Amino acid sequence: MKLSQELEKSDGYIQSITSGRSSASIEMIFEICEFFDISVSDFFYEEINLSSEKYATLELLRSNINKLDDSDFIIIATLARQLVEKNNSI
């Protein structure tokens, strides 16, 4: 298995992680992300069905979220929670 060779881990270890029998360490997650050239957030990102317009907007939000200061981040998070609660009450 190429992944196990690249990461210098046994095939059994990699298989135990992919099957869910074992959990990967934080260091291993970073190594796997580097191997696949993806971000850690993409590694944990749950696939959802979005229109191309919503997906583009989500990507824009994701690319800019770290640029916000803490107070602005809290405002965005609060607004998102309020909108979800409003839509769930309809």
PDB file of N, CA and C in Angstrom:
ATOM      1  N   MET A   1       0.855  -1.172   0.000  1.00  0.00           N
ATOM      2  CA  MET A   1       0.000   0.000   0.000  1.00  0.00           C
ATOM      3  C   MET A   1       0.902   1.236   0.000  1.00  0.00           C
ATOM      4  N   LYS A   2       0.682   2.114  -0.976  1.00  0.00           N
ATOM      5  CA  LYS A   2       1.538   3.283  -1.135  1.00  0.00           C
ATOM      6  C   LYS A   2       1.490   4.205   0.085  1.00  0.00           C
ATOM      7  N   LEU A   3       0.302   4.412   0.647  1.00  0.00           N
ATOM      8  CA  LEU A   3       0.165   5.287   1.803  1.00  0.00           C
ATOM      9  C   LEU A   3       1.001   4.789   2.966  1.00  0.00           C
ATOM     10  N   SER A   4       0.911   3.511   3.265  1.00  0.00           N
ATOM     11  CA  SER A   4       1.677   2.967   4.388  1.00  0.00           C
ATOM     12  C   SER A   4       3.182   3.075   4.133  1.00  0.00           C
ATOM     13  N   GLN A   5       3.599   2.893   2.895  1.00  0.00           N
ATOM     14  CA  GLN A   5       5.025   3.024   2.563  1.00  0.00           C
ATOM     15  C   GLN A   5       5.481   4.476   2.720  1.00  0.00           C
ATOM     16  N   GLU A   6       4.695   5.406   2.205  1.00  0.00           N
ATOM     17  CA  GLU A   6       5.055   6.827   2.296  1.00  0.00           C
ATOM     18  C   GLU A   6       5.140   7.297   3.740  1.00  0.00           C
ATOM     19  N   LEU A   7       4.201   6.825   4.564  1.00  0.00           N
ATOM     20  CA  LEU A   7       4.144   7.263   5.959  1.00  0.00           C
ATOM     21  C   LEU A   7       4.990   6.395   6.875  1.00  0.00           C
ATOM     22  N   GLU A   8       5.616   5.381   6.260  1.00  0.00           N
ATOM     23  CA  GLU A   8       6.466   4.437   6.999  1.00  0.00           C
ATOM     24  C   GLU A   8       5.711   3.776   8.157  1.00  0.00           C
ATOM     25  N   LYS A   9       4.498   3.337   7.838  1.00  0.00           N
ATOM     26  CA  LYS A   9       3.638   2.617   8.780  1.00  0.00           C
ATOM     27  C   LYS A   9       3.260   1.292   8.149  1.00  0.00           C
ATOM     28  N   SER A  10       2.891   0.336   8.971  1.00  0.00           N
ATOM     29  CA  SER A  10       2.514  -0.970   8.433  1.00  0.00           C
ATOM     30  C   SER A  10       1.158  -0.895   7.751  1.00  0.00           C
ATOM     31  N   ASP A  11       0.953  -1.809   6.795  1.00  0.00           N
ATOM     32  CA  ASP A  11      -0.349  -1.892   6.128  1.00  0.00           C
ATOM     33  C   ASP A  11      -1.449  -2.132   7.156  1.00  0.00           C
ATOM     34  N   GLY A  12      -1.178  -2.966   8.134  1.00  0.00           N
ATOM     35  CA  GLY A  12      -2.160  -3.288   9.169  1.00  0.00           C
ATOM     36  C   GLY A  12      -2.573  -2.072   9.973  1.00  0.00           C
ATOM     37  N   TYR A  13      -1.605  -1.207  10.282  1.00  0.00           N
ATOM     38  CA  TYR A  13      -1.905   0.011  11.036  1.00  0.00           C
ATOM     39  C   TYR A  13      -2.818   0.925  10.226  1.00  0.00           C
ATOM     40  N   ILE A  14      -2.494   1.139   8.956  1.00  0.00           N
ATOM     41  CA  ILE A  14      -3.308   1.993   8.096  1.00  0.00           C
ATOM     42  C   ILE A  14      -4.700   1.386   7.917  1.00  0.00           C
ATOM     43  N   GLN A  15      -4.774   0.079   7.740  1.00  0.00           N
ATOM     44  CA  GLN A  15      -6.078  -0.582   7.590  1.00  0.00           C
ATOM     45  C   GLN A  15      -6.914  -0.466   8.850  1.00  0.00           C
ATOM     46  N   SER A  16      -6.270  -0.518  10.020  1.00  0.00           N
ATOM     47  CA  SER A  16      -7.037  -0.398  11.268  1.00  0.00           C
ATOM     48  C   SER A  16      -7.616   1.006  11.420  1.00  0.00           C
ATOM     49  N   ILE A  17      -6.913   2.003  10.897  1.00  0.00           N
ATOM     50  CA  ILE A  17      -7.443   3.376  10.936  1.00  0.00           C
ATOM     51  C   ILE A  17      -8.592   3.518   9.948  1.00  0.00           C
ATOM     52  N   THR A  18      -8.391   3.045   8.717  1.00  0.00           N
ATOM     53  CA  THR A  18      -9.435   3.215   7.699  1.00  0.00           C
ATOM     54  C   THR A  18     -10.689   2.404   7.991  1.00  0.00           C
ATOM     55  N   SER A  19     -10.532   1.313   8.732  1.00  0.00           N
ATOM     56  CA  SER A  19     -11.700   0.497   9.070  1.00  0.00           C
ATOM     57  C   SER A  19     -12.415   0.999  10.319  1.00  0.00           C
ATOM     58  N   GLY A  20     -11.776   1.912  11.044  1.00  0.00           N
ATOM     59  CA  GLY A  20     -12.383   2.437  12.258  1.00  0.00           C
ATOM     60  C   GLY A  20     -12.043   1.670  13.510  1.00  0.00           C
ATOM     61  N   ARG A  21     -11.201   0.642  13.386  1.00  0.00           N
ATOM     62  CA  ARG A  21     -10.799  -0.122  14.575  1.00  0.00           C
ATOM     63  C   ARG A  21      -9.856   0.671  15.469  1.00  0.00           C
ATOM     64  N   SER A  22      -9.103   1.585  14.880  1.00  0.00           N
ATOM     65  CA  SER A  22      -8.164   2.430  15.617  1.00  0.00           C
ATOM     66  C   SER A  22      -8.368   3.876  15.196  1.00  0.00           C
ATOM     67  N   SER A  23      -7.973   4.771  16.070  1.00  0.00           N
ATOM     68  CA  SER A  23      -8.022   6.196  15.746  1.00  0.00           C
ATOM     69  C   SER A  23      -6.621   6.676  15.406  1.00  0.00           C
ATOM     70  N   ALA A  24      -6.536   7.569  14.462  1.00  0.00           N
ATOM     71  CA  ALA A  24      -5.247   8.146  14.085  1.00  0.00           C
ATOM     72  C   ALA A  24      -4.869   9.227  15.086  1.00  0.00           C
ATOM     73  N   SER A  25      -3.597   9.336  15.363  1.00  0.00           N
ATOM     74  CA  SER A  25      -3.115  10.417  16.217  1.00  0.00           C
ATOM     75  C   SER A  25      -3.200  11.726  15.433  1.00  0.00           C
ATOM     76  N   ILE A  26      -3.101  12.826  16.145  1.00  0.00           N
ATOM     77  CA  ILE A  26      -3.104  14.133  15.491  1.00  0.00           C
ATOM     78  C   ILE A  26      -1.959  14.211  14.489  1.00  0.00           C
ATOM     79  N   GLU A  27      -0.797  13.731  14.889  1.00  0.00           N
ATOM     80  CA  GLU A  27       0.358  13.758  13.994  1.00  0.00           C
ATOM     81  C   GLU A  27       0.084  12.949  12.726  1.00  0.00           C
ATOM     82  N   MET A  28      -0.560  11.789  12.887  1.00  0.00           N
ATOM     83  CA  MET A  28      -0.859  10.937  11.740  1.00  0.00           C
ATOM     84  C   MET A  28      -1.881  11.623  10.813  1.00  0.00           C
ATOM     85  N   ILE A  29      -2.852  12.311  11.385  1.00  0.00           N
ATOM     86  CA  ILE A  29      -3.832  13.025  10.570  1.00  0.00           C
ATOM     87  C   ILE A  29      -3.133  14.077   9.716  1.00  0.00           C
ATOM     88  N   PHE A  30      -2.194  14.815  10.323  1.00  0.00           N
ATOM     89  CA  PHE A  30      -1.444  15.816   9.559  1.00  0.00           C
ATOM     90  C   PHE A  30      -0.618  15.157   8.455  1.00  0.00           C
ATOM     91  N   GLU A  31      -0.024  14.018   8.736  1.00  0.00           N
ATOM     92  CA  GLU A  31       0.763  13.317   7.727  1.00  0.00           C
ATOM     93  C   GLU A  31      -0.122  12.823   6.575  1.00  0.00           C
ATOM     94  N   ILE A  32      -1.292  12.299   6.913  1.00  0.00           N
ATOM     95  CA  ILE A  32      -2.223  11.820   5.884  1.00  0.00           C
ATOM     96  C   ILE A  32      -2.686  12.993   5.020  1.00  0.00           C
ATOM     97  N   CYS A  33      -2.998  14.114   5.658  1.00  0.00           N
ATOM     98  CA  CYS A  33      -3.429  15.292   4.902  1.00  0.00           C
ATOM     99  C   CYS A  33      -2.314  15.778   3.977  1.00  0.00           C
ATOM    100  N   GLU A  34      -1.105  15.765   4.468  1.00  0.00           N
ATOM    101  CA  GLU A  34       0.022  16.169   3.621  1.00  0.00           C
ATOM    102  C   GLU A  34       0.183  15.213   2.445  1.00  0.00           C
ATOM    103  N   PHE A  35       0.039  13.910   2.698  1.00  0.00           N
ATOM    104  CA  PHE A  35       0.166  12.913   1.638  1.00  0.00           C
ATOM    105  C   PHE A  35      -0.852  13.163   0.526  1.00  0.00           C
ATOM    106  N   PHE A  36      -2.105  13.456   0.912  1.00  0.00           N
ATOM    107  CA  PHE A  36      -3.172  13.672  -0.070  1.00  0.00           C
ATOM    108  C   PHE A  36      -3.276  15.131  -0.519  1.00  0.00           C
ATOM    109  N   ASP A  37      -2.407  15.996   0.034  1.00  0.00           N
ATOM    110  CA  ASP A  37      -2.390  17.418  -0.305  1.00  0.00           C
ATOM    111  C   ASP A  37      -3.761  18.057  -0.077  1.00  0.00           C
ATOM    112  N   ILE A  38      -4.300  17.818   1.136  1.00  0.00           N
ATOM    113  CA  ILE A  38      -5.571  18.421   1.542  1.00  0.00           C
ATOM    114  C   ILE A  38      -5.381  19.083   2.898  1.00  0.00           C
ATOM    115  N   SER A  39      -6.262  19.995   3.224  1.00  0.00           N
ATOM    116  CA  SER A  39      -6.213  20.642   4.537  1.00  0.00           C
ATOM    117  C   SER A  39      -6.845  19.725   5.576  1.00  0.00           C
ATOM    118  N   VAL A  40      -6.523  19.975   6.825  1.00  0.00           N
ATOM    119  CA  VAL A  40      -7.123  19.191   7.906  1.00  0.00           C
ATOM    120  C   VAL A  40      -8.635  19.421   7.932  1.00  0.00           C
ATOM    121  N   SER A  41      -9.074  20.652   7.668  1.00  0.00           N
ATOM    122  CA  SER A  41     -10.520  20.904   7.648  1.00  0.00           C
ATOM    123  C   SER A  41     -11.191  20.113   6.535  1.00  0.00           C
ATOM    124  N   ASP A  42     -10.536  19.978   5.368  1.00  0.00           N
ATOM    125  CA  ASP A  42     -11.103  19.160   4.294  1.00  0.00           C
ATOM    126  C   ASP A  42     -11.145  17.685   4.699  1.00  0.00           C
ATOM    127  N   PHE A  43     -10.170  17.251   5.473  1.00  0.00           N
ATOM    128  CA  PHE A  43     -10.129  15.866   5.935  1.00  0.00           C
ATOM    129  C   PHE A  43     -11.368  15.535   6.760  1.00  0.00           C
ATOM    130  N   PHE A  44     -11.794  16.484   7.593  1.00  0.00           N
ATOM    131  CA  PHE A  44     -12.937  16.255   8.475  1.00  0.00           C
ATOM    132  C   PHE A  44     -14.249  16.789   7.905  1.00  0.00           C
ATOM    133  N   TYR A  45     -14.185  17.421   6.740  1.00  0.00           N
ATOM    134  CA  TYR A  45     -15.352  18.060   6.153  1.00  0.00           C
ATOM    135  C   TYR A  45     -16.377  17.021   5.737  1.00  0.00           C
ATOM    136  N   GLU A  46     -17.561  17.149   6.273  1.00  0.00           N
ATOM    137  CA  GLU A  46     -18.651  16.235   5.928  1.00  0.00           C
ATOM    138  C   GLU A  46     -19.268  16.685   4.613  1.00  0.00           C
ATOM    139  N   GLU A  47     -19.342  15.770   3.683  1.00  0.00           N
ATOM    140  CA  GLU A  47     -19.892  16.129   2.377  1.00  0.00           C
ATOM    141  C   GLU A  47     -21.381  16.408   2.505  1.00  0.00           C
ATOM    142  N   ILE A  48     -21.777  17.530   1.958  1.00  0.00           N
ATOM    143  CA  ILE A  48     -23.185  17.895   1.931  1.00  0.00           C
ATOM    144  C   ILE A  48     -23.545  18.269   0.504  1.00  0.00           C
ATOM    145  N   ASN A  49     -24.805  18.113   0.176  1.00  0.00           N
ATOM    146  CA  ASN A  49     -25.254  18.437  -1.174  1.00  0.00           C
ATOM    147  C   ASN A  49     -25.623  19.912  -1.233  1.00  0.00           C
ATOM    148  N   LEU A  50     -24.842  20.657  -2.003  1.00  0.00           N
ATOM    149  CA  LEU A  50     -25.091  22.080  -2.159  1.00  0.00           C
ATOM    150  C   LEU A  50     -25.169  22.426  -3.630  1.00  0.00           C
ATOM    151  N   SER A  51     -25.946  23.442  -3.924  1.00  0.00           N
ATOM    152  CA  SER A  51     -25.935  23.965  -5.290  1.00  0.00           C
ATOM    153  C   SER A  51     -24.562  24.577  -5.536  1.00  0.00           C
ATOM    154  N   SER A  52     -24.197  24.757  -6.776  1.00  0.00           N
ATOM    155  CA  SER A  52     -22.882  25.327  -7.084  1.00  0.00           C
ATOM    156  C   SER A  52     -22.752  26.736  -6.511  1.00  0.00           C
ATOM    157  N   GLU A  53     -23.839  27.486  -6.464  1.00  0.00           N
ATOM    158  CA  GLU A  53     -23.796  28.842  -5.907  1.00  0.00           C
ATOM    159  C   GLU A  53     -23.545  28.801  -4.399  1.00  0.00           C
ATOM    160  N   LYS A  54     -24.253  27.913  -3.691  1.00  0.00           N
ATOM    161  CA  LYS A  54     -24.044  27.799  -2.247  1.00  0.00           C
ATOM    162  C   LYS A  54     -22.646  27.262  -1.945  1.00  0.00           C
ATOM    163  N   TYR A  55     -22.158  26.329  -2.755  1.00  0.00           N
ATOM    164  CA  TYR A  55     -20.818  25.783  -2.550  1.00  0.00           C
ATOM    165  C   TYR A  55     -19.770  26.885  -2.712  1.00  0.00           C
ATOM    166  N   ALA A  56     -19.917  27.714  -3.733  1.00  0.00           N
ATOM    167  CA  ALA A  56     -18.976  28.813  -3.954  1.00  0.00           C
ATOM    168  C   ALA A  56     -18.998  29.787  -2.781  1.00  0.00           C
ATOM    169  N   THR A  57     -20.189  30.065  -2.274  1.00  0.00           N
ATOM    170  CA  THR A  57     -20.314  30.958  -1.124  1.00  0.00           C
ATOM    171  C   THR A  57     -19.677  30.338   0.115  1.00  0.00           C
ATOM    172  N   LEU A  58     -19.885  29.054   0.314  1.00  0.00           N
ATOM    173  CA  LEU A  58     -19.275  28.357   1.442  1.00  0.00           C
ATOM    174  C   LEU A  58     -17.757  28.394   1.350  1.00  0.00           C
ATOM    175  N   GLU A  59     -17.221  28.176   0.164  1.00  0.00           N
ATOM    176  CA  GLU A  59     -15.767  28.224  -0.023  1.00  0.00           C
ATOM    177  C   GLU A  59     -15.227  29.617   0.258  1.00  0.00           C
ATOM    178  N   LEU A  60     -15.955  30.645  -0.159  1.00  0.00           N
ATOM    179  CA  LEU A  60     -15.550  32.021   0.123  1.00  0.00           C
ATOM    180  C   LEU A  60     -15.536  32.269   1.630  1.00  0.00           C
ATOM    181  N   LEU A  61     -16.561  31.809   2.309  1.00  0.00           N
ATOM    182  CA  LEU A  61     -16.624  31.947   3.761  1.00  0.00           C
ATOM    183  C   LEU A  61     -15.471  31.209   4.426  1.00  0.00           C
ATOM    184  N   ARG A  62     -15.238  29.965   3.993  1.00  0.00           N
ATOM    185  CA  ARG A  62     -14.151  29.178   4.588  1.00  0.00           C
ATOM    186  C   ARG A  62     -12.792  29.823   4.364  1.00  0.00           C
ATOM    187  N   SER A  63     -12.592  30.428   3.213  1.00  0.00           N
ATOM    188  CA  SER A  63     -11.294  31.027   2.916  1.00  0.00           C
ATOM    189  C   SER A  63     -11.064  32.324   3.692  1.00  0.00           C
ATOM    190  N   ASN A  64     -12.140  32.954   4.141  1.00  0.00           N
ATOM    191  CA  ASN A  64     -12.003  34.234   4.841  1.00  0.00           C
ATOM    192  C   ASN A  64     -12.235  34.168   6.343  1.00  0.00           C
ATOM    193  N   ILE A  65     -12.706  33.066   6.845  1.00  0.00           N
ATOM    194  CA  ILE A  65     -13.098  32.973   8.252  1.00  0.00           C
ATOM    195  C   ILE A  65     -11.925  33.235   9.206  1.00  0.00           C
ATOM    196  N   ASN A  66     -10.729  32.814   8.833  1.00  0.00           N
ATOM    197  CA  ASN A  66      -9.567  33.020   9.705  1.00  0.00           C
ATOM    198  C   ASN A  66      -9.107  34.471   9.727  1.00  0.00           C
ATOM    199  N   LYS A  67      -9.596  35.265   8.812  1.00  0.00           N
ATOM    200  CA  LYS A  67      -9.213  36.676   8.760  1.00  0.00           C
ATOM    201  C   LYS A  67     -10.028  37.525   9.734  1.00  0.00           C
ATOM    202  N   LEU A  68     -11.099  36.961  10.283  1.00  0.00           N
ATOM    203  CA  LEU A  68     -11.966  37.700  11.199  1.00  0.00           C
ATOM    204  C   LEU A  68     -11.352  37.761  12.585  1.00  0.00           C
ATOM    205  N   ASP A  69     -11.567  38.873  13.277  1.00  0.00           N
ATOM    206  CA  ASP A  69     -11.167  38.895  14.678  1.00  0.00           C
ATOM    207  C   ASP A  69     -12.238  38.143  15.484  1.00  0.00           C
ATOM    208  N   ASP A  70     -11.948  37.876  16.735  1.00  0.00           N
ATOM    209  CA  ASP A  70     -12.834  37.042  17.553  1.00  0.00           C
ATOM    210  C   ASP A  70     -14.251  37.596  17.652  1.00  0.00           C
ATOM    211  N   SER A  71     -14.391  38.910  17.819  1.00  0.00           N
ATOM    212  CA  SER A  71     -15.740  39.477  17.977  1.00  0.00           C
ATOM    213  C   SER A  71     -16.547  39.333  16.688  1.00  0.00           C
ATOM    214  N   ASP A  72     -15.923  39.532  15.525  1.00  0.00           N
ATOM    215  CA  ASP A  72     -16.629  39.365  14.261  1.00  0.00           C
ATOM    216  C   ASP A  72     -16.993  37.900  14.020  1.00  0.00           C
ATOM    217  N   PHE A  73     -16.101  37.006  14.412  1.00  0.00           N
ATOM    218  CA  PHE A  73     -16.372  35.576  14.276  1.00  0.00           C
ATOM    219  C   PHE A  73     -17.590  35.190  15.108  1.00  0.00           C
ATOM    220  N   ILE A  74     -17.680  35.715  16.315  1.00  0.00           N
ATOM    221  CA  ILE A  74     -18.822  35.423  17.194  1.00  0.00           C
ATOM    222  C   ILE A  74     -20.110  35.963  16.584  1.00  0.00           C
ATOM    223  N   ILE A  75     -20.047  37.138  15.961  1.00  0.00           N
ATOM    224  CA  ILE A  75     -21.230  37.716  15.309  1.00  0.00           C
ATOM    225  C   ILE A  75     -21.711  36.791  14.192  1.00  0.00           C
ATOM    226  N   ILE A  76     -20.791  36.314  13.354  1.00  0.00           N
ATOM    227  CA  ILE A  76     -21.145  35.411  12.249  1.00  0.00           C
ATOM    228  C   ILE A  76     -21.731  34.108  12.790  1.00  0.00           C
ATOM    229  N   ALA A  77     -21.107  33.541  13.814  1.00  0.00           N
ATOM    230  CA  ALA A  77     -21.593  32.284  14.385  1.00  0.00           C
ATOM    231  C   ALA A  77     -22.973  32.453  15.003  1.00  0.00           C
ATOM    232  N   THR A  78     -23.191  33.564  15.695  1.00  0.00           N
ATOM    233  CA  THR A  78     -24.495  33.846  16.309  1.00  0.00           C
ATOM    234  C   THR A  78     -25.569  34.022  15.244  1.00  0.00           C
ATOM    235  N   LEU A  79     -25.248  34.769  14.201  1.00  0.00           N
ATOM    236  CA  LEU A  79     -26.190  34.970  13.106  1.00  0.00           C
ATOM    237  C   LEU A  79     -26.557  33.640  12.443  1.00  0.00           C
ATOM    238  N   ALA A  80     -25.561  32.808  12.190  1.00  0.00           N
ATOM    239  CA  ALA A  80     -25.820  31.506  11.568  1.00  0.00           C
ATOM    240  C   ALA A  80     -26.736  30.661  12.452  1.00  0.00           C
ATOM    241  N   ARG A  81     -26.476  30.640  13.768  1.00  0.00           N
ATOM    242  CA  ARG A  81     -27.311  29.862  14.685  1.00  0.00           C
ATOM    243  C   ARG A  81     -28.736  30.388  14.691  1.00  0.00           C
ATOM    244  N   GLN A  82     -28.902  31.711  14.716  1.00  0.00           N
ATOM    245  CA  GLN A  82     -30.241  32.311  14.716  1.00  0.00           C
ATOM    246  C   GLN A  82     -30.998  31.982  13.434  1.00  0.00           C
ATOM    247  N   LEU A  83     -30.314  32.016  12.299  1.00  0.00           N
ATOM    248  CA  LEU A  83     -30.971  31.687  11.031  1.00  0.00           C
ATOM    249  C   LEU A  83     -31.405  30.230  10.986  1.00  0.00           C
ATOM    250  N   VAL A  84     -30.567  29.346  11.498  1.00  0.00           N
ATOM    251  CA  VAL A  84     -30.924  27.922  11.531  1.00  0.00           C
ATOM    252  C   VAL A  84     -32.129  27.709  12.446  1.00  0.00           C
ATOM    253  N   GLU A  85     -32.106  28.341  13.624  1.00  0.00           N
ATOM    254  CA  GLU A  85     -33.234  28.208  14.552  1.00  0.00           C
ATOM    255  C   GLU A  85     -34.517  28.752  13.924  1.00  0.00           C
ATOM    256  N   LYS A  86     -34.421  29.882  13.229  1.00  0.00           N
ATOM    257  CA  LYS A  86     -35.591  30.481  12.568  1.00  0.00           C
ATOM    258  C   LYS A  86     -36.137  29.531  11.504  1.00  0.00           C
ATOM    259  N   ASN A  87     -35.252  28.977  10.687  1.00  0.00           N
ATOM    260  CA  ASN A  87     -35.691  28.058   9.618  1.00  0.00           C
ATOM    261  C   ASN A  87     -36.247  26.751  10.169  1.00  0.00           C
ATOM    262  N   ASN A  88     -35.736  26.312  11.305  1.00  0.00           N
ATOM    263  CA  ASN A  88     -36.239  25.070  11.899  1.00  0.00           C
ATOM    264  C   ASN A  88     -37.594  25.256  12.585  1.00  0.00           C
ATOM    265  N   SER A  89     -37.935  26.511  12.929  1.00  0.00           N
ATOM    266  CA  SER A  89     -39.225  26.770  13.580  1.00  0.00           C
ATOM    267  C   SER A  89     -40.350  26.995  12.583  1.00  0.00           C
ATOM    268  N   ILE A  90     -40.005  27.118  11.319  1.00  0.00           N
ATOM    269  CA  ILE A  90     -41.037  27.372  10.288  1.00  0.00           C
ATOM    270  C   ILE A  90     -41.740  26.093   9.917  1.00  0.00           C
TER     271      ILE A  90
END
